[in-house]
Amino acid sequence: MAPVVAVLPSPDGVQVQVLSIDREPVSVDERSDHVLARRAALGDRTAFAEIFARHAAALYRLAVRMLDGDHQAAEDAVQEALTKAWLQIDGFRGDASLRTWLFRLTANECHNSRRRRRPIPIDDDLITALTPDSAPSAEDAMGGRSLLEALDLALRELPWRQRATWLLREVEGLSYDETATALSTTSTVVRGQLHRARATLAVRMARWR
């Protein structure tokens, strides 16, 4: 995994610290995320560094797949999300878990990045059924492509919200309510998006069963 560097600015805009997920966590204590968030809100950079160590890898994992494998764009999105987290941590009230809040910031940054690169939105209903020409060949299924590569390609064909819903629910293990919070929607919408994503992926991945 490529490193993600977080620059933590002070309220006056001065950059004060650089962290990387390539090193060991700052602390090995068992303080909860909520305690760390409260300490970070008081300006405790060590507490925020521990938050970073706990969650940056998952944020980066989400961002890479939401941005079609573009590692630089994913690093930028996570950097922006963590910078906003540092600057806005005093506004975190604990209504959702800190992890969910960080996923929400990252998802928003990924969405903004995709919108800048793709100004014309594509409606979820426009996704087409798998055609014979687009189906993977037997050679691909037998060894030309790995299962993970095939899954990444299939995920890239999903509409943004379906992809984000599937990743947060199936990969990161968020509940329906947590996923809804992270994506600023409702659990009912999440269930619908997840059903559609699963159905599409089942077709795309049929040859790898």
N, C-alpha and C. Protein backbone atom coordinates (compact mmCIF):
# COMPACT_ATOMS: atom_id res chain seq x y z
N MET A 1 0.84 -1.20 0.00
CA MET A 1 0.00 0.00 0.00
C MET A 1 0.88 1.25 0.00
N ALA A 2 0.51 2.21 -0.83
CA ALA A 2 1.27 3.45 -0.88
C ALA A 2 1.05 4.25 0.40
N PRO A 3 2.05 5.01 0.83
CA PRO A 3 1.89 5.77 2.06
C PRO A 3 0.92 6.92 1.87
N VAL A 4 0.27 7.28 2.95
CA VAL A 4 -0.58 8.47 2.97
C VAL A 4 0.02 9.42 3.99
N VAL A 5 0.33 10.60 3.57
CA VAL A 5 0.94 11.59 4.46
C VAL A 5 -0.13 12.59 4.87
N ALA A 6 -0.24 12.81 6.16
CA ALA A 6 -1.22 13.78 6.68
C ALA A 6 -0.49 14.97 7.25
N VAL A 7 -0.80 16.14 6.74
CA VAL A 7 -0.25 17.38 7.27
C VAL A 7 -1.32 18.02 8.13
N LEU A 8 -1.02 18.24 9.39
CA LEU A 8 -2.00 18.76 10.31
C LEU A 8 -1.81 20.26 10.49
N PRO A 9 -2.70 21.07 9.92
CA PRO A 9 -2.54 22.52 10.06
C PRO A 9 -3.12 23.01 11.37
N SER A 10 -2.58 24.09 11.84
CA SER A 10 -3.17 24.74 13.01
C SER A 10 -4.28 25.67 12.53
N PRO A 11 -5.12 26.17 13.42
CA PRO A 11 -6.23 27.03 13.00
C PRO A 11 -5.79 28.25 12.19
N ASP A 12 -4.55 28.71 12.39
CA ASP A 12 -4.11 29.87 11.63
C ASP A 12 -3.49 29.47 10.30
N GLY A 13 -3.58 28.17 9.95
CA GLY A 13 -3.12 27.72 8.66
C GLY A 13 -1.69 27.25 8.61
N VAL A 14 -0.99 27.28 9.72
CA VAL A 14 0.42 26.87 9.73
C VAL A 14 0.50 25.36 9.83
N GLN A 15 1.28 24.74 8.95
CA GLN A 15 1.44 23.30 9.00
C GLN A 15 2.35 22.93 10.16
N VAL A 16 1.91 21.96 10.95
CA VAL A 16 2.64 21.69 12.19
C VAL A 16 3.19 20.28 12.32
N GLN A 17 2.68 19.32 11.54
CA GLN A 17 3.13 17.95 11.75
C GLN A 17 2.82 17.10 10.53
N VAL A 18 3.65 16.11 10.26
CA VAL A 18 3.45 15.19 9.16
C VAL A 18 3.46 13.77 9.73
N LEU A 19 2.47 12.97 9.31
CA LEU A 19 2.36 11.60 9.76
C LEU A 19 2.32 10.68 8.55
N SER A 20 2.61 9.39 8.76
CA SER A 20 2.55 8.42 7.68
C SER A 20 2.04 7.10 8.21
N ILE A 21 1.22 6.40 7.41
CA ILE A 21 0.71 5.11 7.85
C ILE A 21 1.74 4.02 7.68
N ASP A 22 2.93 4.33 7.17
CA ASP A 22 3.97 3.33 7.02
C ASP A 22 4.69 3.02 8.33
N ARG A 23 4.47 3.83 9.35
CA ARG A 23 5.18 3.59 10.60
C ARG A 23 4.23 3.00 11.64
N GLU A 24 4.79 2.64 12.79
CA GLU A 24 3.99 2.05 13.85
C GLU A 24 3.04 3.10 14.44
N PRO A 25 1.90 2.67 14.99
CA PRO A 25 0.99 3.61 15.63
C PRO A 25 1.69 4.40 16.72
N VAL A 26 1.22 5.64 16.92
CA VAL A 26 1.84 6.51 17.90
C VAL A 26 1.69 5.95 19.31
N SER A 27 0.58 5.32 19.58
CA SER A 27 0.33 4.82 20.93
C SER A 27 -0.31 3.45 20.84
N VAL A 28 -0.06 2.62 21.82
CA VAL A 28 -0.67 1.31 21.85
C VAL A 28 -1.68 1.20 22.98
N ASP A 29 -2.08 2.33 23.54
CA ASP A 29 -3.04 2.25 24.64
C ASP A 29 -4.43 1.96 24.10
N GLU A 30 -5.36 1.76 24.99
CA GLU A 30 -6.70 1.31 24.62
C GLU A 30 -7.75 2.42 24.74
N ARG A 31 -7.32 3.65 24.66
CA ARG A 31 -8.29 4.73 24.73
C ARG A 31 -9.28 4.63 23.57
N SER A 32 -10.54 4.95 23.83
CA SER A 32 -11.55 4.87 22.79
C SER A 32 -11.39 6.01 21.80
N ASP A 33 -11.99 5.81 20.63
CA ASP A 33 -11.97 6.87 19.63
C ASP A 33 -12.59 8.15 20.15
N HIS A 34 -13.65 8.03 20.94
CA HIS A 34 -14.32 9.23 21.45
C HIS A 34 -13.40 10.00 22.40
N VAL A 35 -12.66 9.28 23.21
CA VAL A 35 -11.71 9.95 24.10
C VAL A 35 -10.62 10.63 23.28
N LEU A 36 -10.11 9.94 22.28
CA LEU A 36 -9.08 10.53 21.42
C LEU A 36 -9.61 11.76 20.70
N ALA A 37 -10.86 11.69 20.25
CA ALA A 37 -11.45 12.83 19.55
C ALA A 37 -11.55 14.04 20.47
N ARG A 38 -11.95 13.80 21.72
CA ARG A 38 -12.06 14.91 22.68
C ARG A 38 -10.69 15.53 22.95
N ARG A 39 -9.68 14.67 23.06
CA ARG A 39 -8.34 15.19 23.31
C ARG A 39 -7.82 15.95 22.09
N ALA A 40 -8.10 15.41 20.90
CA ALA A 40 -7.66 16.08 19.68
C ALA A 40 -8.34 17.44 19.54
N ALA A 41 -9.60 17.52 19.97
CA ALA A 41 -10.33 18.79 19.90
C ALA A 41 -9.70 19.85 20.78
N LEU A 42 -8.96 19.41 21.77
CA LEU A 42 -8.25 20.34 22.66
C LEU A 42 -6.85 20.67 22.15
N GLY A 43 -6.53 20.14 20.95
CA GLY A 43 -5.24 20.44 20.35
C GLY A 43 -4.18 19.38 20.56
N ASP A 44 -4.57 18.21 21.07
CA ASP A 44 -3.61 17.14 21.33
C ASP A 44 -3.27 16.42 20.03
N ARG A 45 -2.10 16.75 19.47
CA ARG A 45 -1.70 16.17 18.18
C ARG A 45 -1.37 14.68 18.30
N THR A 46 -0.89 14.26 19.47
CA THR A 46 -0.60 12.84 19.67
C THR A 46 -1.89 12.02 19.61
N ALA A 47 -2.96 12.55 20.17
CA ALA A 47 -4.26 11.86 20.11
C ALA A 47 -4.73 11.76 18.66
N PHE A 48 -4.56 12.84 17.90
CA PHE A 48 -4.98 12.78 16.50
C PHE A 48 -4.08 11.83 15.72
N ALA A 49 -2.81 11.79 16.06
CA ALA A 49 -1.90 10.86 15.38
C ALA A 49 -2.34 9.42 15.60
N GLU A 50 -2.86 9.13 16.79
CA GLU A 50 -3.35 7.78 17.06
C GLU A 50 -4.63 7.50 16.27
N ILE A 51 -5.49 8.49 16.16
CA ILE A 51 -6.68 8.35 15.30
C ILE A 51 -6.24 8.03 13.89
N PHE A 52 -5.24 8.78 13.42
CA PHE A 52 -4.70 8.58 12.07
C PHE A 52 -4.20 7.14 11.91
N ALA A 53 -3.41 6.68 12.89
CA ALA A 53 -2.84 5.34 12.80
C ALA A 53 -3.91 4.26 12.77
N ARG A 54 -5.00 4.49 13.48
CA ARG A 54 -6.07 3.51 13.53
C ARG A 54 -6.90 3.44 12.26
N HIS A 55 -7.10 4.57 11.61
CA HIS A 55 -8.12 4.63 10.57
C HIS A 55 -7.63 4.99 9.17
N ALA A 56 -6.42 5.50 9.03
CA ALA A 56 -5.97 5.99 7.71
C ALA A 56 -5.95 4.89 6.66
N ALA A 57 -5.54 3.68 7.04
CA ALA A 57 -5.45 2.61 6.06
C ALA A 57 -6.82 2.27 5.47
N ALA A 58 -7.85 2.23 6.32
CA ALA A 58 -9.20 1.94 5.84
C ALA A 58 -9.73 3.07 4.96
N LEU A 59 -9.43 4.32 5.33
CA LEU A 59 -9.85 5.45 4.52
C LEU A 59 -9.20 5.40 3.14
N TYR A 60 -7.92 5.07 3.13
CA TYR A 60 -7.19 4.97 1.87
C TYR A 60 -7.72 3.83 1.02
N ARG A 61 -8.04 2.70 1.65
CA ARG A 61 -8.59 1.54 0.93
C ARG A 61 -9.90 1.91 0.24
N LEU A 62 -10.75 2.63 0.95
CA LEU A 62 -12.01 3.09 0.35
C LEU A 62 -11.74 4.04 -0.80
N ALA A 63 -10.86 5.00 -0.58
CA ALA A 63 -10.61 6.04 -1.59
C ALA A 63 -10.05 5.44 -2.88
N VAL A 64 -9.14 4.49 -2.77
CA VAL A 64 -8.54 3.90 -3.98
C VAL A 64 -9.61 3.27 -4.86
N ARG A 65 -10.53 2.53 -4.24
CA ARG A 65 -11.55 1.86 -5.03
C ARG A 65 -12.65 2.81 -5.50
N MET A 66 -12.88 3.87 -4.75
CA MET A 66 -13.86 4.85 -5.20
C MET A 66 -13.31 5.71 -6.34
N LEU A 67 -12.00 5.77 -6.46
CA LEU A 67 -11.36 6.60 -7.48
C LEU A 67 -10.67 5.75 -8.54
N ASP A 68 -11.23 4.58 -8.81
CA ASP A 68 -10.82 3.73 -9.93
C ASP A 68 -9.34 3.35 -9.89
N GLY A 69 -8.80 3.14 -8.70
CA GLY A 69 -7.42 2.72 -8.58
C GLY A 69 -6.40 3.82 -8.75
N ASP A 70 -6.83 5.06 -8.77
CA ASP A 70 -5.92 6.19 -8.91
C ASP A 70 -5.32 6.50 -7.53
N HIS A 71 -4.11 6.00 -7.29
CA HIS A 71 -3.51 6.11 -5.97
C HIS A 71 -3.21 7.56 -5.58
N GLN A 72 -2.77 8.36 -6.52
CA GLN A 72 -2.48 9.76 -6.21
C GLN A 72 -3.75 10.50 -5.82
N ALA A 73 -4.81 10.28 -6.58
CA ALA A 73 -6.08 10.92 -6.25
C ALA A 73 -6.60 10.44 -4.90
N ALA A 74 -6.39 9.15 -4.61
CA ALA A 74 -6.84 8.60 -3.33
C ALA A 74 -6.06 9.23 -2.18
N GLU A 75 -4.74 9.37 -2.35
CA GLU A 75 -3.93 10.02 -1.32
C GLU A 75 -4.40 11.46 -1.09
N ASP A 76 -4.68 12.16 -2.18
CA ASP A 76 -5.14 13.54 -2.06
C ASP A 76 -6.47 13.61 -1.32
N ALA A 77 -7.38 12.67 -1.64
CA ALA A 77 -8.70 12.67 -1.00
C ALA A 77 -8.58 12.39 0.49
N VAL A 78 -7.74 11.42 0.85
CA VAL A 78 -7.55 11.11 2.27
C VAL A 78 -6.87 12.28 2.99
N GLN A 79 -5.90 12.89 2.32
CA GLN A 79 -5.24 14.06 2.90
C GLN A 79 -6.25 15.16 3.21
N GLU A 80 -7.12 15.44 2.24
CA GLU A 80 -8.12 16.49 2.46
C GLU A 80 -9.08 16.10 3.57
N ALA A 81 -9.49 14.82 3.59
CA ALA A 81 -10.42 14.36 4.63
C ALA A 81 -9.80 14.47 6.02
N LEU A 82 -8.53 14.08 6.14
CA LEU A 82 -7.87 14.14 7.44
C LEU A 82 -7.59 15.58 7.87
N THR A 83 -7.29 16.42 6.91
CA THR A 83 -7.10 17.84 7.24
C THR A 83 -8.40 18.44 7.77
N LYS A 84 -9.51 18.12 7.10
CA LYS A 84 -10.81 18.62 7.56
C LYS A 84 -11.16 18.02 8.92
N ALA A 85 -10.80 16.75 9.11
CA ALA A 85 -11.07 16.12 10.41
C ALA A 85 -10.32 16.85 11.52
N TRP A 86 -9.07 17.18 11.28
CA TRP A 86 -8.26 17.89 12.28
C TRP A 86 -8.84 19.26 12.58
N LEU A 87 -9.25 19.97 11.55
CA LEU A 87 -9.77 21.32 11.73
C LEU A 87 -11.19 21.34 12.29
N GLN A 88 -11.95 20.25 12.07
CA GLN A 88 -13.35 20.22 12.49
C GLN A 88 -13.62 19.27 13.65
N ILE A 89 -12.56 18.72 14.23
CA ILE A 89 -12.73 17.70 15.27
C ILE A 89 -13.48 18.24 16.48
N ASP A 90 -13.38 19.55 16.73
CA ASP A 90 -14.11 20.10 17.87
C ASP A 90 -15.62 20.10 17.64
N GLY A 91 -16.03 19.91 16.37
CA GLY A 91 -17.45 19.83 16.06
C GLY A 91 -17.99 18.41 16.06
N PHE A 92 -17.13 17.43 16.30
CA PHE A 92 -17.56 16.04 16.36
C PHE A 92 -18.27 15.80 17.69
N ARG A 93 -19.56 15.44 17.62
CA ARG A 93 -20.37 15.32 18.83
C ARG A 93 -20.58 13.87 19.26
N GLY A 94 -20.13 12.93 18.46
CA GLY A 94 -20.30 11.54 18.84
C GLY A 94 -21.65 10.95 18.52
N ASP A 95 -22.46 11.63 17.69
CA ASP A 95 -23.75 11.07 17.30
C ASP A 95 -23.55 9.78 16.50
N ALA A 96 -22.48 9.71 15.75
CA ALA A 96 -22.05 8.49 15.06
C ALA A 96 -20.65 8.17 15.56
N SER A 97 -20.14 7.01 15.21
CA SER A 97 -18.77 6.67 15.61
C SER A 97 -17.79 7.56 14.88
N LEU A 98 -16.62 7.74 15.47
CA LEU A 98 -15.58 8.53 14.82
C LEU A 98 -15.21 7.92 13.47
N ARG A 99 -15.14 6.59 13.41
CA ARG A 99 -14.81 5.90 12.16
C ARG A 99 -15.82 6.23 11.06
N THR A 100 -17.10 6.21 11.42
CA THR A 100 -18.14 6.55 10.44
C THR A 100 -17.99 7.99 9.97
N TRP A 101 -17.71 8.89 10.91
CA TRP A 101 -17.51 10.31 10.56
C TRP A 101 -16.34 10.47 9.61
N LEU A 102 -15.25 9.76 9.84
CA LEU A 102 -14.08 9.84 8.96
C LEU A 102 -14.39 9.26 7.59
N PHE A 103 -15.15 8.18 7.53
CA PHE A 103 -15.57 7.63 6.25
C PHE A 103 -16.44 8.64 5.49
N ARG A 104 -17.28 9.36 6.22
CA ARG A 104 -18.13 10.35 5.57
C ARG A 104 -17.29 11.46 4.95
N LEU A 105 -16.30 11.95 5.68
CA LEU A 105 -15.42 12.99 5.14
C LEU A 105 -14.68 12.47 3.91
N THR A 106 -14.20 11.23 3.98
CA THR A 106 -13.45 10.66 2.85
C THR A 106 -14.35 10.43 1.65
N ALA A 107 -15.54 9.91 1.88
CA ALA A 107 -16.48 9.69 0.78
C ALA A 107 -16.82 11.01 0.09
N ASN A 108 -17.00 12.06 0.88
CA ASN A 108 -17.30 13.38 0.29
C ASN A 108 -16.14 13.86 -0.58
N GLU A 109 -14.91 13.67 -0.09
CA GLU A 109 -13.76 14.10 -0.88
C GLU A 109 -13.62 13.27 -2.16
N CYS A 110 -13.90 11.99 -2.07
CA CYS A 110 -13.86 11.15 -3.28
C CYS A 110 -14.92 11.59 -4.28
N HIS A 111 -16.10 11.90 -3.77
CA HIS A 111 -17.18 12.36 -4.64
C HIS A 111 -16.80 13.67 -5.32
N ASN A 112 -16.21 14.58 -4.56
CA ASN A 112 -15.78 15.85 -5.13
C ASN A 112 -14.71 15.64 -6.20
N SER A 113 -13.79 14.72 -5.93
CA SER A 113 -12.73 14.43 -6.90
C SER A 113 -13.31 13.86 -8.19
N ARG A 114 -14.24 12.93 -8.07
CA ARG A 114 -14.87 12.34 -9.26
C ARG A 114 -15.68 13.37 -10.02
N ARG A 115 -16.35 14.26 -9.30
CA ARG A 115 -17.16 15.28 -9.97
C ARG A 115 -16.28 16.25 -10.74
N ARG A 116 -15.11 16.56 -10.20
CA ARG A 116 -14.19 17.44 -10.93
C ARG A 116 -13.67 16.77 -12.20
N ARG A 117 -13.46 15.47 -12.12
CA ARG A 117 -12.93 14.75 -13.28
C ARG A 117 -14.02 14.36 -14.25
N ARG A 118 -15.26 14.17 -13.74
CA ARG A 118 -16.37 13.74 -14.57
C ARG A 118 -17.55 14.66 -14.32
N PRO A 119 -17.59 15.82 -14.98
CA PRO A 119 -18.63 16.80 -14.68
C PRO A 119 -20.03 16.39 -15.08
N ILE A 120 -20.17 15.38 -15.98
CA ILE A 120 -21.50 14.95 -16.41
C ILE A 120 -21.91 13.75 -15.57
N PRO A 121 -22.91 13.88 -14.68
CA PRO A 121 -23.30 12.77 -13.82
C PRO A 121 -23.98 11.66 -14.61
N ILE A 122 -23.85 10.45 -14.12
CA ILE A 122 -24.50 9.30 -14.74
C ILE A 122 -25.51 8.75 -13.75
N ASP A 123 -26.76 8.67 -14.16
CA ASP A 123 -27.79 8.18 -13.27
C ASP A 123 -27.62 6.69 -13.02
N ASP A 124 -27.98 6.26 -11.80
CA ASP A 124 -27.85 4.84 -11.46
C ASP A 124 -28.61 3.94 -12.43
N ASP A 125 -29.75 4.42 -12.95
CA ASP A 125 -30.56 3.58 -13.82
C ASP A 125 -29.95 3.36 -15.19
N LEU A 126 -28.88 4.07 -15.51
CA LEU A 126 -28.28 3.95 -16.83
C LEU A 126 -27.28 2.80 -16.94
N ILE A 127 -26.98 2.14 -15.83
CA ILE A 127 -26.03 1.04 -15.92
C ILE A 127 -26.65 -0.08 -16.75
N THR A 128 -25.88 -0.62 -17.65
CA THR A 128 -26.40 -1.60 -18.59
C THR A 128 -26.11 -3.01 -18.13
N ALA A 129 -26.90 -3.94 -18.64
CA ALA A 129 -26.68 -5.35 -18.33
C ALA A 129 -25.41 -5.83 -19.01
N LEU A 130 -24.83 -6.87 -18.47
CA LEU A 130 -23.61 -7.43 -19.04
C LEU A 130 -23.91 -8.02 -20.40
N THR A 131 -23.14 -7.63 -21.39
CA THR A 131 -23.30 -8.14 -22.75
C THR A 131 -22.26 -9.20 -23.02
N PRO A 132 -22.46 -10.06 -24.02
CA PRO A 132 -21.47 -11.08 -24.33
C PRO A 132 -20.09 -10.50 -24.60
N ASP A 133 -20.04 -9.35 -25.26
CA ASP A 133 -18.74 -8.76 -25.59
C ASP A 133 -17.99 -8.29 -24.35
N SER A 134 -18.75 -7.86 -23.32
CA SER A 134 -18.09 -7.32 -22.13
C SER A 134 -17.85 -8.39 -21.07
N ALA A 135 -18.39 -9.58 -21.27
CA ALA A 135 -18.17 -10.65 -20.31
C ALA A 135 -16.73 -11.13 -20.38
N PRO A 136 -16.14 -11.52 -19.26
CA PRO A 136 -14.77 -12.02 -19.27
C PRO A 136 -14.68 -13.33 -20.03
N SER A 137 -13.58 -13.51 -20.72
CA SER A 137 -13.38 -14.74 -21.48
C SER A 137 -13.03 -15.89 -20.55
N ALA A 138 -13.14 -17.10 -21.08
CA ALA A 138 -12.78 -18.27 -20.29
C ALA A 138 -11.32 -18.21 -19.89
N GLU A 139 -10.47 -17.69 -20.81
CA GLU A 139 -9.04 -17.58 -20.49
C GLU A 139 -8.81 -16.63 -19.33
N ASP A 140 -9.57 -15.51 -19.32
CA ASP A 140 -9.46 -14.59 -18.21
C ASP A 140 -9.85 -15.27 -16.91
N ALA A 141 -10.96 -16.00 -16.98
CA ALA A 141 -11.46 -16.64 -15.77
C ALA A 141 -10.51 -17.70 -15.25
N MET A 142 -9.80 -18.37 -16.15
CA MET A 142 -8.91 -19.45 -15.75
C MET A 142 -7.58 -18.97 -15.22
N GLY A 143 -7.18 -17.75 -15.52
CA GLY A 143 -5.88 -17.33 -15.01
C GLY A 143 -5.36 -16.03 -15.55
N GLY A 144 -5.95 -15.51 -16.64
CA GLY A 144 -5.44 -14.26 -17.19
C GLY A 144 -5.65 -13.10 -16.25
N ARG A 145 -6.71 -13.13 -15.49
CA ARG A 145 -6.99 -12.09 -14.50
C ARG A 145 -7.25 -12.75 -13.16
N SER A 146 -6.79 -12.13 -12.11
CA SER A 146 -7.06 -12.65 -10.78
C SER A 146 -8.48 -12.28 -10.37
N LEU A 147 -8.97 -12.97 -9.38
CA LEU A 147 -10.30 -12.67 -8.86
C LEU A 147 -10.39 -11.24 -8.36
N LEU A 148 -9.35 -10.79 -7.67
CA LEU A 148 -9.35 -9.43 -7.14
C LEU A 148 -9.37 -8.40 -8.26
N GLU A 149 -8.60 -8.63 -9.30
CA GLU A 149 -8.60 -7.71 -10.44
C GLU A 149 -9.98 -7.67 -11.09
N ALA A 150 -10.61 -8.83 -11.21
CA ALA A 150 -11.94 -8.88 -11.80
C ALA A 150 -12.95 -8.13 -10.94
N LEU A 151 -12.83 -8.27 -9.61
CA LEU A 151 -13.73 -7.55 -8.72
C LEU A 151 -13.52 -6.05 -8.83
N ASP A 152 -12.27 -5.61 -8.89
CA ASP A 152 -11.99 -4.18 -9.02
C ASP A 152 -12.61 -3.62 -10.31
N LEU A 153 -12.48 -4.38 -11.41
CA LEU A 153 -13.07 -3.94 -12.67
C LEU A 153 -14.59 -3.88 -12.57
N ALA A 154 -15.17 -4.88 -11.92
CA ALA A 154 -16.63 -4.90 -11.77
C ALA A 154 -17.10 -3.73 -10.91
N LEU A 155 -16.36 -3.43 -9.86
CA LEU A 155 -16.73 -2.30 -8.99
C LEU A 155 -16.70 -0.98 -9.74
N ARG A 156 -15.75 -0.85 -10.66
CA ARG A 156 -15.63 0.40 -11.41
C ARG A 156 -16.84 0.64 -12.31
N GLU A 157 -17.57 -0.42 -12.62
CA GLU A 157 -18.75 -0.27 -13.47
C GLU A 157 -19.99 0.15 -12.67
N LEU A 158 -19.91 0.06 -11.36
CA LEU A 158 -21.06 0.44 -10.55
C LEU A 158 -21.19 1.96 -10.45
N PRO A 159 -22.41 2.47 -10.38
CA PRO A 159 -22.60 3.89 -10.07
C PRO A 159 -21.97 4.22 -8.73
N TRP A 160 -21.61 5.49 -8.55
CA TRP A 160 -20.85 5.90 -7.37
C TRP A 160 -21.48 5.45 -6.07
N ARG A 161 -22.77 5.73 -5.88
CA ARG A 161 -23.40 5.44 -4.59
C ARG A 161 -23.51 3.94 -4.35
N GLN A 162 -23.78 3.17 -5.39
CA GLN A 162 -23.80 1.72 -5.23
C GLN A 162 -22.43 1.20 -4.82
N ARG A 163 -21.40 1.72 -5.46
CA ARG A 163 -20.05 1.27 -5.15
C ARG A 163 -19.68 1.62 -3.71
N ALA A 164 -19.95 2.85 -3.31
CA ALA A 164 -19.63 3.27 -1.95
C ALA A 164 -20.40 2.45 -0.92
N THR A 165 -21.68 2.21 -1.21
CA THR A 165 -22.50 1.42 -0.30
C THR A 165 -21.94 0.02 -0.13
N TRP A 166 -21.59 -0.62 -1.24
CA TRP A 166 -21.07 -1.99 -1.19
C TRP A 166 -19.75 -2.05 -0.43
N LEU A 167 -18.86 -1.10 -0.68
CA LEU A 167 -17.55 -1.09 -0.02
C LEU A 167 -17.68 -0.87 1.48
N LEU A 168 -18.51 0.09 1.87
CA LEU A 168 -18.65 0.38 3.29
C LEU A 168 -19.33 -0.76 4.04
N ARG A 169 -20.29 -1.39 3.40
CA ARG A 169 -21.03 -2.46 4.06
C ARG A 169 -20.27 -3.79 4.00
N GLU A 170 -19.78 -4.18 2.83
CA GLU A 170 -19.21 -5.51 2.65
C GLU A 170 -17.72 -5.57 2.99
N VAL A 171 -16.99 -4.50 2.74
CA VAL A 171 -15.55 -4.51 2.99
C VAL A 171 -15.23 -3.95 4.37
N GLU A 172 -15.79 -2.78 4.69
CA GLU A 172 -15.47 -2.13 5.96
C GLU A 172 -16.36 -2.56 7.11
N GLY A 173 -17.45 -3.26 6.80
CA GLY A 173 -18.28 -3.82 7.86
C GLY A 173 -19.17 -2.85 8.59
N LEU A 174 -19.49 -1.70 8.01
CA LEU A 174 -20.39 -0.76 8.65
C LEU A 174 -21.80 -1.32 8.64
N SER A 175 -22.59 -0.97 9.63
CA SER A 175 -23.99 -1.36 9.65
C SER A 175 -24.75 -0.54 8.61
N TYR A 176 -26.02 -0.90 8.40
CA TYR A 176 -26.83 -0.14 7.46
C TYR A 176 -26.95 1.32 7.91
N ASP A 177 -27.18 1.52 9.19
CA ASP A 177 -27.32 2.89 9.71
C ASP A 177 -26.01 3.66 9.59
N GLU A 178 -24.89 3.02 9.91
CA GLU A 178 -23.58 3.67 9.80
C GLU A 178 -23.27 4.02 8.35
N THR A 179 -23.58 3.10 7.44
CA THR A 179 -23.35 3.37 6.02
C THR A 179 -24.20 4.55 5.56
N ALA A 180 -25.45 4.58 6.03
CA ALA A 180 -26.34 5.70 5.68
C ALA A 180 -25.77 7.02 6.18
N THR A 181 -25.25 7.02 7.40
CA THR A 181 -24.65 8.24 7.95
C THR A 181 -23.44 8.66 7.14
N ALA A 182 -22.59 7.70 6.80
CA ALA A 182 -21.37 8.01 6.04
C ALA A 182 -21.69 8.58 4.67
N LEU A 183 -22.82 8.18 4.09
CA LEU A 183 -23.18 8.63 2.74
C LEU A 183 -24.29 9.67 2.74
N SER A 184 -24.64 10.16 3.92
CA SER A 184 -25.67 11.21 4.04
C SER A 184 -26.98 10.80 3.40
N THR A 185 -27.44 9.60 3.72
CA THR A 185 -28.69 9.11 3.17
C THR A 185 -29.43 8.34 4.25
N THR A 186 -30.37 7.50 3.88
CA THR A 186 -31.13 6.72 4.85
C THR A 186 -30.79 5.25 4.73
N SER A 187 -31.10 4.49 5.78
CA SER A 187 -30.83 3.05 5.74
C SER A 187 -31.68 2.36 4.68
N THR A 188 -32.86 2.89 4.41
CA THR A 188 -33.70 2.31 3.35
C THR A 188 -33.04 2.45 2.00
N VAL A 189 -32.47 3.62 1.73
CA VAL A 189 -31.75 3.83 0.47
C VAL A 189 -30.53 2.93 0.42
N VAL A 190 -29.83 2.80 1.53
CA VAL A 190 -28.65 1.93 1.57
C VAL A 190 -29.02 0.50 1.21
N ARG A 191 -30.11 -0.01 1.77
CA ARG A 191 -30.54 -1.37 1.46
C ARG A 191 -30.85 -1.54 -0.02
N GLY A 192 -31.50 -0.54 -0.59
CA GLY A 192 -31.81 -0.60 -2.02
C GLY A 192 -30.55 -0.56 -2.88
N GLN A 193 -29.64 0.34 -2.55
CA GLN A 193 -28.40 0.46 -3.30
C GLN A 193 -27.56 -0.81 -3.18
N LEU A 194 -27.52 -1.38 -1.98
CA LEU A 194 -26.74 -2.59 -1.76
C LEU A 194 -27.34 -3.76 -2.54
N HIS A 195 -28.65 -3.86 -2.57
CA HIS A 195 -29.30 -4.93 -3.34
C HIS A 195 -28.95 -4.84 -4.82
N ARG A 196 -28.98 -3.63 -5.34
CA ARG A 196 -28.67 -3.44 -6.76
C ARG A 196 -27.21 -3.72 -7.04
N ALA A 197 -26.33 -3.27 -6.13
CA ALA A 197 -24.90 -3.51 -6.31
C ALA A 197 -24.59 -5.00 -6.28
N ARG A 198 -25.18 -5.72 -5.33
CA ARG A 198 -24.96 -7.16 -5.23
C ARG A 198 -25.44 -7.88 -6.49
N ALA A 199 -26.59 -7.46 -7.00
CA ALA A 199 -27.14 -8.10 -8.19
C ALA A 199 -26.23 -7.89 -9.39
N THR A 200 -25.74 -6.66 -9.54
CA THR A 200 -24.85 -6.35 -10.66
C THR A 200 -23.54 -7.11 -10.54
N LEU A 201 -22.96 -7.12 -9.35
CA LEU A 201 -21.69 -7.82 -9.15
C LEU A 201 -21.85 -9.32 -9.34
N ALA A 202 -23.00 -9.86 -8.98
CA ALA A 202 -23.22 -11.29 -9.18
C ALA A 202 -23.15 -11.65 -10.66
N VAL A 203 -23.68 -10.77 -11.51
CA VAL A 203 -23.60 -11.00 -12.95
C VAL A 203 -22.17 -10.84 -13.44
N ARG A 204 -21.53 -9.75 -13.00
CA ARG A 204 -20.17 -9.48 -13.45
C ARG A 204 -19.18 -10.57 -13.03
N MET A 205 -19.43 -11.17 -11.86
CA MET A 205 -18.46 -12.14 -11.32
C MET A 205 -18.91 -13.57 -11.53
N ALA A 206 -19.92 -13.80 -12.36
CA ALA A 206 -20.47 -15.14 -12.51
C ALA A 206 -19.44 -16.18 -12.95
N ARG A 207 -18.51 -15.79 -13.81
CA ARG A 207 -17.55 -16.74 -14.32
C ARG A 207 -16.47 -17.12 -13.30
N TRP A 208 -16.43 -16.39 -12.19
CA TRP A 208 -15.43 -16.70 -11.16
C TRP A 208 -16.02 -17.51 -10.01
N ARG A 209 -17.25 -17.96 -10.16
CA ARG A 209 -17.88 -18.75 -9.09
C ARG A 209 -17.32 -20.18 -9.13
